[in-house]
Amino acid sequence: MPKLTGKTALVTGAARGIGAAIARAFVNEGGEVIVTDINVECGQATADSIGATFARLDVASEADWTAIADQFPTLDVLVNNAGITGFEGPFDGTPPAHDPENAQLADWHAVHAVNLDGTFLGSRYAIRAMRAKGAGSIINISSRSGLVGIPMAAAYASSKAAIRNHTKTVALYCAGQGLNIRCNSIHPAAIMTPMWEPMLGDGSDRAEREAAMVADTPMRRFGEPDEVAAIAVLLASDDAAYMTGTELTVDGGILAGSAATPRS
């Protein structure tokens, strides 16, 4: 039996990458899915290809969330997936600095506006949209970077750590309100999505670049978007009915420590 039959789910940042994989997995499990993104052309194409509905949404905009609430007043599942690293291009010369010493306040604010404000606004909308049924699932996409320090991506790491904490706050609030609205976070590490393409390139040394990027990962490979989507399906479904305020890592073992097999 499909796990999400009868459930309506909204996924942010779902035009491509992890968000698109989650939206596709939800449709495959019988869910009625709303794909949202600021990229209208790509988002609509993704929605059309999987049999979902598309709606434009800038997650950092309160007005956009108000419009979404008017359009979709009830909801069963929300995935707060939309996010940026701060290194998105194009750039003139080198990318902006995101270390604690040289990062610009405007860049810091921009990353937090999408990643953290977007998660706050999405969670607020979801609680209100799920309150009528008294039940639902909010899934926040954090990161391995939200569990450890990332010296050259201070804003990204800070925003993802805050998402982890806000997830627990939302979970406790909903439980305290007597609502069966669960809130959990997923923490992916290196997942093969389009955001890696500028660093990997398409040259003859791509395989070497890929290997170098995951050299410290015990499983020695990138994760796949579908592997994150499978965890999202679990958290969205009734199979996870007793899970709230928790965090699940999808990281190839990188947070477990060193790989057990010694290198020659």
C-alpha atoms as a PDB file:
ATOM      1  CA  MET A   1       0.000   0.000   0.000  1.00  0.00           C
ATOM      2  CA  PRO A   2       1.270   3.509  -0.803  1.00  0.00           C
ATOM      3  CA  LYS A   3       2.308   5.274   2.388  1.00  0.00           C
ATOM      4  CA  LEU A   4       0.957   8.759   1.623  1.00  0.00           C
ATOM      5  CA  THR A   5      -2.461   8.061   0.109  1.00  0.00           C
ATOM      6  CA  GLY A   6      -4.893  10.787   1.121  1.00  0.00           C
ATOM      7  CA  LYS A   7      -2.158  13.167   2.268  1.00  0.00           C
ATOM      8  CA  THR A   8      -1.417  16.587   0.776  1.00  0.00           C
ATOM      9  CA  ALA A   9       2.238  17.582   0.893  1.00  0.00           C
ATOM     10  CA  LEU A  10       4.016  20.814   0.021  1.00  0.00           C
ATOM     11  CA  VAL A  11       7.741  20.758  -0.749  1.00  0.00           C
ATOM     12  CA  THR A  12       9.786  23.961  -0.980  1.00  0.00           C
ATOM     13  CA  GLY A  13      12.754  24.342  -3.291  1.00  0.00           C
ATOM     14  CA  ALA A  14      11.456  21.372  -5.248  1.00  0.00           C
ATOM     15  CA  ALA A  15      12.388  22.372  -8.781  1.00  0.00           C
ATOM     16  CA  ARG A  16      15.469  20.167  -8.727  1.00  0.00           C
ATOM     17  CA  GLY A  17      17.876  18.263  -6.507  1.00  0.00           C
ATOM     18  CA  ILE A  18      16.757  16.887  -3.155  1.00  0.00           C
ATOM     19  CA  GLY A  19      13.445  18.762  -3.250  1.00  0.00           C
ATOM     20  CA  ALA A  20      12.506  17.303  -6.617  1.00  0.00           C
ATOM     21  CA  ALA A  21      13.451  13.803  -5.453  1.00  0.00           C
ATOM     22  CA  ILE A  22      11.269  14.184  -2.360  1.00  0.00           C
ATOM     23  CA  ALA A  23       8.328  15.473  -4.391  1.00  0.00           C
ATOM     24  CA  ARG A  24       8.666  12.557  -6.810  1.00  0.00           C
ATOM     25  CA  ALA A  25       8.866  10.019  -3.994  1.00  0.00           C
ATOM     26  CA  PHE A  26       5.765  11.503  -2.364  1.00  0.00           C
ATOM     27  CA  VAL A  27       3.798  11.240  -5.607  1.00  0.00           C
ATOM     28  CA  ASN A  28       4.952   7.642  -6.016  1.00  0.00           C
ATOM     29  CA  GLU A  29       3.610   6.946  -2.525  1.00  0.00           C
ATOM     30  CA  GLY A  30       0.172   8.282  -3.422  1.00  0.00           C
ATOM     31  CA  GLY A  31       0.490  11.815  -2.070  1.00  0.00           C
ATOM     32  CA  GLU A  32      -1.071  14.944  -3.571  1.00  0.00           C
ATOM     33  CA  VAL A  33       2.038  17.088  -3.963  1.00  0.00           C
ATOM     34  CA  ILE A  34       2.562  20.827  -4.328  1.00  0.00           C
ATOM     35  CA  VAL A  35       5.947  21.675  -5.827  1.00  0.00           C
ATOM     36  CA  THR A  36       7.141  25.177  -4.923  1.00  0.00           C
ATOM     37  CA  ASP A  37      10.196  27.140  -6.010  1.00  0.00           C
ATOM     38  CA  ILE A  38      11.294  30.601  -7.131  1.00  0.00           C
ATOM     39  CA  ASN A  39      12.364  29.088 -10.464  1.00  0.00           C
ATOM     40  CA  VAL A  40       8.998  29.030 -12.208  1.00  0.00           C
ATOM     41  CA  GLU A  41      10.086  27.383 -15.452  1.00  0.00           C
ATOM     42  CA  CYS A  42      12.035  24.550 -13.828  1.00  0.00           C
ATOM     43  CA  GLY A  43       9.516  24.127 -11.016  1.00  0.00           C
ATOM     44  CA  GLN A  44       6.579  23.859 -13.416  1.00  0.00           C
ATOM     45  CA  ALA A  45       8.481  21.348 -15.539  1.00  0.00           C
ATOM     46  CA  THR A  46       9.240  19.214 -12.503  1.00  0.00           C
ATOM     47  CA  ALA A  47       5.631  19.337 -11.327  1.00  0.00           C
ATOM     48  CA  ASP A  48       4.347  18.415 -14.784  1.00  0.00           C
ATOM     49  CA  SER A  49       6.765  15.502 -15.088  1.00  0.00           C
ATOM     50  CA  ILE A  50       5.642  13.872 -11.831  1.00  0.00           C
ATOM     51  CA  GLY A  51       1.951  14.755 -11.838  1.00  0.00           C
ATOM     52  CA  ALA A  52       2.086  17.440  -9.140  1.00  0.00           C
ATOM     53  CA  THR A  53       0.814  21.009  -8.744  1.00  0.00           C
ATOM     54  CA  PHE A  54       3.223  23.942  -8.999  1.00  0.00           C
ATOM     55  CA  ALA A  55       3.122  27.221  -7.078  1.00  0.00           C
ATOM     56  CA  ARG A  56       5.758  29.924  -7.061  1.00  0.00           C
ATOM     57  CA  LEU A  57       7.147  30.593  -3.582  1.00  0.00           C
ATOM     58  CA  ASP A  58      10.014  32.706  -2.291  1.00  0.00           C
ATOM     59  CA  VAL A  59      10.410  31.143   1.149  1.00  0.00           C
ATOM     60  CA  ALA A  60      12.011  34.308   2.553  1.00  0.00           C
ATOM     61  CA  SER A  61       8.884  36.330   1.716  1.00  0.00           C
ATOM     62  CA  GLU A  62       6.121  36.513   4.311  1.00  0.00           C
ATOM     63  CA  ALA A  63       3.753  37.796   1.624  1.00  0.00           C
ATOM     64  CA  ASP A  64       4.430  34.711  -0.497  1.00  0.00           C
ATOM     65  CA  TRP A  65       3.672  32.424   2.443  1.00  0.00           C
ATOM     66  CA  THR A  66       0.427  34.333   3.061  1.00  0.00           C
ATOM     67  CA  ALA A  67      -0.543  33.704  -0.557  1.00  0.00           C
ATOM     68  CA  ILE A  68       0.307  30.006  -0.202  1.00  0.00           C
ATOM     69  CA  ALA A  69      -1.850  29.816   2.932  1.00  0.00           C
ATOM     70  CA  ASP A  70      -4.757  31.337   1.030  1.00  0.00           C
ATOM     71  CA  GLN A  71      -4.278  28.899  -1.855  1.00  0.00           C
ATOM     72  CA  PHE A  72      -3.665  25.804   0.282  1.00  0.00           C
ATOM     73  CA  PRO A  73      -5.363  26.373   3.658  1.00  0.00           C
ATOM     74  CA  THR A  74      -5.059  22.758   4.812  1.00  0.00           C
ATOM     75  CA  LEU A  75      -2.023  20.509   4.687  1.00  0.00           C
ATOM     76  CA  ASP A  76      -0.771  17.145   5.928  1.00  0.00           C
ATOM     77  CA  VAL A  77       2.964  17.342   5.193  1.00  0.00           C
ATOM     78  CA  LEU A  78       5.408  20.207   4.731  1.00  0.00           C
ATOM     79  CA  VAL A  79       9.032  19.776   3.701  1.00  0.00           C
ATOM     80  CA  ASN A  80      11.120  22.892   4.342  1.00  0.00           C
ATOM     81  CA  ASN A  81      13.809  22.085   1.799  1.00  0.00           C
ATOM     82  CA  ALA A  82      14.610  25.377   0.056  1.00  0.00           C
ATOM     83  CA  GLY A  83      18.049  26.659   0.933  1.00  0.00           C
ATOM     84  CA  ILE A  84      21.184  28.377  -0.324  1.00  0.00           C
ATOM     85  CA  THR A  85      24.866  28.081   0.563  1.00  0.00           C
ATOM     86  CA  GLY A  86      25.803  31.672  -0.198  1.00  0.00           C
ATOM     87  CA  PHE A  87      28.201  30.558  -2.909  1.00  0.00           C
ATOM     88  CA  GLU A  88      25.649  30.574  -5.701  1.00  0.00           C
ATOM     89  CA  GLY A  89      26.876  32.356  -8.818  1.00  0.00           C
ATOM     90  CA  PRO A  90      27.567  33.863 -11.139  1.00  0.00           C
ATOM     91  CA  PHE A  91      30.459  35.728  -9.586  1.00  0.00           C
ATOM     92  CA  ASP A  92      33.027  38.172 -10.886  1.00  0.00           C
ATOM     93  CA  GLY A  93      36.307  36.595  -9.913  1.00  0.00           C
ATOM     94  CA  THR A  94      36.295  34.660  -6.646  1.00  0.00           C
ATOM     95  CA  PRO A  95      33.153  33.770  -4.664  1.00  0.00           C
ATOM     96  CA  PRO A  96      32.319  35.900  -1.603  1.00  0.00           C
ATOM     97  CA  ALA A  97      34.091  35.068   1.633  1.00  0.00           C
ATOM     98  CA  HIS A  98      31.959  33.246   4.187  1.00  0.00           C
ATOM     99  CA  ASP A  99      34.497  32.696   6.944  1.00  0.00           C
ATOM    100  CA  PRO A 100      33.876  34.289  10.392  1.00  0.00           C
ATOM    101  CA  GLU A 101      36.488  36.993   9.827  1.00  0.00           C
ATOM    102  CA  ASN A 102      35.678  38.210   6.322  1.00  0.00           C
ATOM    103  CA  ALA A 103      32.026  37.431   5.698  1.00  0.00           C
ATOM    104  CA  GLN A 104      29.877  40.436   4.836  1.00  0.00           C
ATOM    105  CA  LEU A 105      26.806  41.103   6.951  1.00  0.00           C
ATOM    106  CA  ALA A 106      24.610  41.304   3.845  1.00  0.00           C
ATOM    107  CA  ASP A 107      25.748  37.832   2.731  1.00  0.00           C
ATOM    108  CA  TRP A 108      25.159  36.484   6.261  1.00  0.00           C
ATOM    109  CA  HIS A 109      21.636  37.925   6.244  1.00  0.00           C
ATOM    110  CA  ALA A 110      20.888  36.580   2.755  1.00  0.00           C
ATOM    111  CA  VAL A 111      21.716  32.989   3.716  1.00  0.00           C
ATOM    112  CA  HIS A 112      19.740  33.171   6.952  1.00  0.00           C
ATOM    113  CA  ALA A 113      16.772  34.804   5.214  1.00  0.00           C
ATOM    114  CA  VAL A 114      16.289  31.825   2.908  1.00  0.00           C
ATOM    115  CA  ASN A 115      17.411  28.968   5.133  1.00  0.00           C
ATOM    116  CA  LEU A 116      16.236  30.031   8.590  1.00  0.00           C
ATOM    117  CA  ASP A 117      13.511  32.606   7.993  1.00  0.00           C
ATOM    118  CA  GLY A 118      12.100  30.326   5.303  1.00  0.00           C
ATOM    119  CA  THR A 119      11.946  27.427   7.741  1.00  0.00           C
ATOM    120  CA  PHE A 120      10.340  29.596  10.425  1.00  0.00           C
ATOM    121  CA  LEU A 121       7.707  30.954   8.043  1.00  0.00           C
ATOM    122  CA  GLY A 122       7.044  27.518   6.580  1.00  0.00           C
ATOM    123  CA  SER A 123       6.664  25.903   9.985  1.00  0.00           C
ATOM    124  CA  ARG A 124       4.317  28.659  11.133  1.00  0.00           C
ATOM    125  CA  TYR A 125       2.161  28.181   8.042  1.00  0.00           C
ATOM    126  CA  ALA A 126       2.168  24.409   8.460  1.00  0.00           C
ATOM    127  CA  ILE A 127       1.080  24.481  12.096  1.00  0.00           C
ATOM    128  CA  ARG A 128      -1.856  26.694  11.211  1.00  0.00           C
ATOM    129  CA  ALA A 129      -2.738  24.627   8.122  1.00  0.00           C
ATOM    130  CA  MET A 130      -2.552  21.355  10.081  1.00  0.00           C
ATOM    131  CA  ARG A 131      -4.362  22.567  13.189  1.00  0.00           C
ATOM    132  CA  ALA A 132      -7.837  21.826  11.808  1.00  0.00           C
ATOM    133  CA  LYS A 133      -6.975  18.116  11.538  1.00  0.00           C
ATOM    134  CA  GLY A 134      -4.832  18.244  14.644  1.00  0.00           C
ATOM    135  CA  ALA A 135      -2.166  16.182  12.899  1.00  0.00           C
ATOM    136  CA  GLY A 136       0.602  16.418  10.333  1.00  0.00           C
ATOM    137  CA  SER A 137       4.297  16.152   9.657  1.00  0.00           C
ATOM    138  CA  ILE A 138       6.808  18.986   9.250  1.00  0.00           C
ATOM    139  CA  ILE A 139      10.158  17.886   7.827  1.00  0.00           C
ATOM    140  CA  ASN A 140      13.028  20.347   7.912  1.00  0.00           C
ATOM    141  CA  ILE A 141      16.063  19.759   5.714  1.00  0.00           C
ATOM    142  CA  SER A 142      19.069  20.777   7.775  1.00  0.00           C
ATOM    143  CA  SER A 143      22.566  19.499   6.989  1.00  0.00           C
ATOM    144  CA  ARG A 144      25.592  17.704   8.326  1.00  0.00           C
ATOM    145  CA  SER A 145      26.901  21.277   8.482  1.00  0.00           C
ATOM    146  CA  GLY A 146      24.275  22.011  11.136  1.00  0.00           C
ATOM    147  CA  LEU A 147      25.949  19.526  13.480  1.00  0.00           C
ATOM    148  CA  VAL A 148      29.593  20.550  13.079  1.00  0.00           C
ATOM    149  CA  GLY A 149      31.476  23.775  12.406  1.00  0.00           C
ATOM    150  CA  ILE A 150      32.263  24.753   8.815  1.00  0.00           C
ATOM    151  CA  PRO A 151      35.003  27.432   8.892  1.00  0.00           C
ATOM    152  CA  MET A 152      34.592  28.616   5.296  1.00  0.00           C
ATOM    153  CA  ALA A 153      30.778  28.588   5.310  1.00  0.00           C
ATOM    154  CA  ALA A 154      29.883  30.223   8.605  1.00  0.00           C
ATOM    155  CA  ALA A 155      26.463  31.537   7.582  1.00  0.00           C
ATOM    156  CA  TYR A 156      25.377  28.245   6.051  1.00  0.00           C
ATOM    157  CA  ALA A 157      26.476  26.233   9.080  1.00  0.00           C
ATOM    158  CA  SER A 158      24.837  28.680  11.476  1.00  0.00           C
ATOM    159  CA  SER A 159      21.539  28.632   9.590  1.00  0.00           C
ATOM    160  CA  LYS A 160      21.452  24.842   9.422  1.00  0.00           C
ATOM    161  CA  ALA A 161      22.254  24.530  13.132  1.00  0.00           C
ATOM    162  CA  ALA A 162      19.418  26.921  13.901  1.00  0.00           C
ATOM    163  CA  ILE A 163      17.060  24.816  11.763  1.00  0.00           C
ATOM    164  CA  ARG A 164      17.997  21.780  13.872  1.00  0.00           C
ATOM    165  CA  ASN A 165      17.122  23.638  17.058  1.00  0.00           C
ATOM    166  CA  HIS A 166      13.935  25.210  15.708  1.00  0.00           C
ATOM    167  CA  THR A 167      12.767  21.750  14.684  1.00  0.00           C
ATOM    168  CA  LYS A 168      12.868  20.665  18.318  1.00  0.00           C
ATOM    169  CA  THR A 169      11.116  23.847  19.426  1.00  0.00           C
ATOM    170  CA  VAL A 170       8.287  23.287  16.935  1.00  0.00           C
ATOM    171  CA  ALA A 171       7.988  19.636  17.989  1.00  0.00           C
ATOM    172  CA  LEU A 172       7.682  20.561  21.665  1.00  0.00           C
ATOM    173  CA  TYR A 173       5.267  23.394  20.977  1.00  0.00           C
ATOM    174  CA  CYS A 174       2.914  21.217  18.945  1.00  0.00           C
ATOM    175  CA  ALA A 175       2.993  18.421  21.521  1.00  0.00           C
ATOM    176  CA  GLY A 176       2.307  20.960  24.262  1.00  0.00           C
ATOM    177  CA  GLN A 177      -0.695  22.218  22.312  1.00  0.00           C
ATOM    178  CA  GLY A 178      -2.109  18.705  22.215  1.00  0.00           C
ATOM    179  CA  LEU A 179      -1.546  18.521  18.463  1.00  0.00           C
ATOM    180  CA  ASN A 180      -0.330  15.399  16.723  1.00  0.00           C
ATOM    181  CA  ILE A 181       1.864  17.538  14.478  1.00  0.00           C
ATOM    182  CA  ARG A 182       5.326  16.019  14.326  1.00  0.00           C
ATOM    183  CA  CYS A 183       8.456  17.966  13.388  1.00  0.00           C
ATOM    184  CA  ASN A 184      11.766  16.295  12.525  1.00  0.00           C
ATOM    185  CA  SER A 185      14.948  17.242  10.696  1.00  0.00           C
ATOM    186  CA  ILE A 186      17.056  15.453   8.097  1.00  0.00           C
ATOM    187  CA  HIS A 187      20.795  16.147   7.941  1.00  0.00           C
ATOM    188  CA  PRO A 188      22.310  15.204   4.572  1.00  0.00           C
ATOM    189  CA  ALA A 189      26.035  15.461   3.874  1.00  0.00           C
ATOM    190  CA  ALA A 190      27.459  15.306   0.331  1.00  0.00           C
ATOM    191  CA  ILE A 191      24.463  14.527  -1.902  1.00  0.00           C
ATOM    192  CA  MET A 192      24.948  14.572  -5.675  1.00  0.00           C
ATOM    193  CA  THR A 193      22.795  17.523  -6.717  1.00  0.00           C
ATOM    194  CA  PRO A 194      23.276  20.348  -9.248  1.00  0.00           C
ATOM    195  CA  MET A 195      24.883  22.553  -6.582  1.00  0.00           C
ATOM    196  CA  TRP A 196      28.045  20.432  -6.847  1.00  0.00           C
ATOM    197  CA  GLU A 197      28.408  20.828 -10.617  1.00  0.00           C
ATOM    198  CA  PRO A 198      30.489  24.049 -10.569  1.00  0.00           C
ATOM    199  CA  MET A 199      33.017  22.362  -8.263  1.00  0.00           C
ATOM    200  CA  LEU A 200      33.108  19.056 -10.130  1.00  0.00           C
ATOM    201  CA  GLY A 201      33.015  20.335 -13.698  1.00  0.00           C
ATOM    202  CA  ASP A 202      32.730  18.113 -16.748  1.00  0.00           C
ATOM    203  CA  GLY A 203      36.408  17.647 -17.552  1.00  0.00           C
ATOM    204  CA  SER A 204      38.463  14.485 -17.729  1.00  0.00           C
ATOM    205  CA  ASP A 205      39.378  14.864 -14.039  1.00  0.00           C
ATOM    206  CA  ARG A 206      35.777  14.819 -12.805  1.00  0.00           C
ATOM    207  CA  ALA A 207      36.067  11.338 -11.296  1.00  0.00           C
ATOM    208  CA  GLU A 208      39.170  12.420  -9.391  1.00  0.00           C
ATOM    209  CA  ARG A 209      37.393  15.529  -8.132  1.00  0.00           C
ATOM    210  CA  GLU A 210      34.433  13.448  -6.955  1.00  0.00           C
ATOM    211  CA  ALA A 211      36.742  11.056  -5.122  1.00  0.00           C
ATOM    212  CA  ALA A 212      38.553  13.946  -3.428  1.00  0.00           C
ATOM    213  CA  MET A 213      35.260  15.493  -2.277  1.00  0.00           C
ATOM    214  CA  VAL A 214      34.247  12.324  -0.430  1.00  0.00           C
ATOM    215  CA  ALA A 215      37.684  11.093   0.642  1.00  0.00           C
ATOM    216  CA  ASP A 216      36.799  11.637   4.311  1.00  0.00           C
ATOM    217  CA  THR A 217      33.430   9.888   4.006  1.00  0.00           C
ATOM    218  CA  PRO A 218      33.615   6.286   5.260  1.00  0.00           C
ATOM    219  CA  MET A 219      31.406   5.023   2.426  1.00  0.00           C
ATOM    220  CA  ARG A 220      33.632   6.849  -0.103  1.00  0.00           C
ATOM    221  CA  ARG A 221      30.832   8.130  -2.312  1.00  0.00           C
ATOM    222  CA  PHE A 222      28.282  10.868  -2.729  1.00  0.00           C
ATOM    223  CA  GLY A 223      24.768  10.190  -1.533  1.00  0.00           C
ATOM    224  CA  GLU A 224      21.873  10.277  -3.981  1.00  0.00           C
ATOM    225  CA  PRO A 225      18.790  12.536  -3.705  1.00  0.00           C
ATOM    226  CA  ASP A 226      16.550   9.457  -3.674  1.00  0.00           C
ATOM    227  CA  GLU A 227      18.322   8.263  -0.516  1.00  0.00           C
ATOM    228  CA  VAL A 228      17.292  11.465   1.268  1.00  0.00           C
ATOM    229  CA  ALA A 229      13.802  11.227  -0.216  1.00  0.00           C
ATOM    230  CA  ALA A 230      13.341   7.769   1.289  1.00  0.00           C
ATOM    231  CA  ILE A 231      13.879   9.214   4.776  1.00  0.00           C
ATOM    232  CA  ALA A 232      11.425  12.014   4.020  1.00  0.00           C
ATOM    233  CA  VAL A 233       8.809   9.431   3.014  1.00  0.00           C
ATOM    234  CA  LEU A 234       9.306   7.666   6.339  1.00  0.00           C
ATOM    235  CA  LEU A 235       8.890  10.877   8.344  1.00  0.00           C
ATOM    236  CA  ALA A 236       5.858  11.960   6.305  1.00  0.00           C
ATOM    237  CA  SER A 237       4.108   8.632   6.759  1.00  0.00           C
ATOM    238  CA  ASP A 238       2.267   7.112   9.686  1.00  0.00           C
ATOM    239  CA  ASP A 239       5.186   4.692  10.088  1.00  0.00           C
ATOM    240  CA  ALA A 240       6.929   7.494  12.021  1.00  0.00           C
ATOM    241  CA  ALA A 241       3.919   8.283  14.207  1.00  0.00           C
ATOM    242  CA  TYR A 242       6.004   8.269  17.420  1.00  0.00           C
ATOM    243  CA  MET A 243       8.914  10.314  16.045  1.00  0.00           C
ATOM    244  CA  THR A 244       9.090  14.039  16.749  1.00  0.00           C
ATOM    245  CA  GLY A 245      11.878  16.452  17.567  1.00  0.00           C
ATOM    246  CA  THR A 246      14.481  14.046  16.258  1.00  0.00           C
ATOM    247  CA  GLU A 247      17.258  14.345  13.676  1.00  0.00           C
ATOM    248  CA  LEU A 248      18.296  11.788  11.088  1.00  0.00           C
ATOM    249  CA  THR A 249      21.672  11.955   9.358  1.00  0.00           C
ATOM    250  CA  VAL A 250      22.195  10.788   5.777  1.00  0.00           C
ATOM    251  CA  ASP A 251      25.953  11.176   5.539  1.00  0.00           C
ATOM    252  CA  GLY A 252      27.706   7.959   4.544  1.00  0.00           C
ATOM    253  CA  GLY A 253      29.030   7.625   8.077  1.00  0.00           C
ATOM    254  CA  ILE A 254      31.050  10.841   8.188  1.00  0.00           C
ATOM    255  CA  LEU A 255      29.753  11.863  11.609  1.00  0.00           C
ATOM    256  CA  ALA A 256      30.427   8.408  13.040  1.00  0.00           C
ATOM    257  CA  GLY A 257      34.184   8.980  12.939  1.00  0.00           C
ATOM    258  CA  SER A 258      36.994   7.460  10.905  1.00  0.00           C
ATOM    259  CA  ALA A 259      36.424   4.579   8.522  1.00  0.00           C
ATOM    260  CA  ALA A 260      37.191   1.199  10.093  1.00  0.00           C
ATOM    261  CA  THR A 261      39.255  -0.056   7.155  1.00  0.00           C
ATOM    262  CA  PRO A 262      42.872   1.212   7.335  1.00  0.00           C
ATOM    263  CA  ARG A 263      44.294   2.769   4.214  1.00  0.00           C
ATOM    264  CA  SER A 264      47.389   1.175   2.671  1.00  0.00           C
END
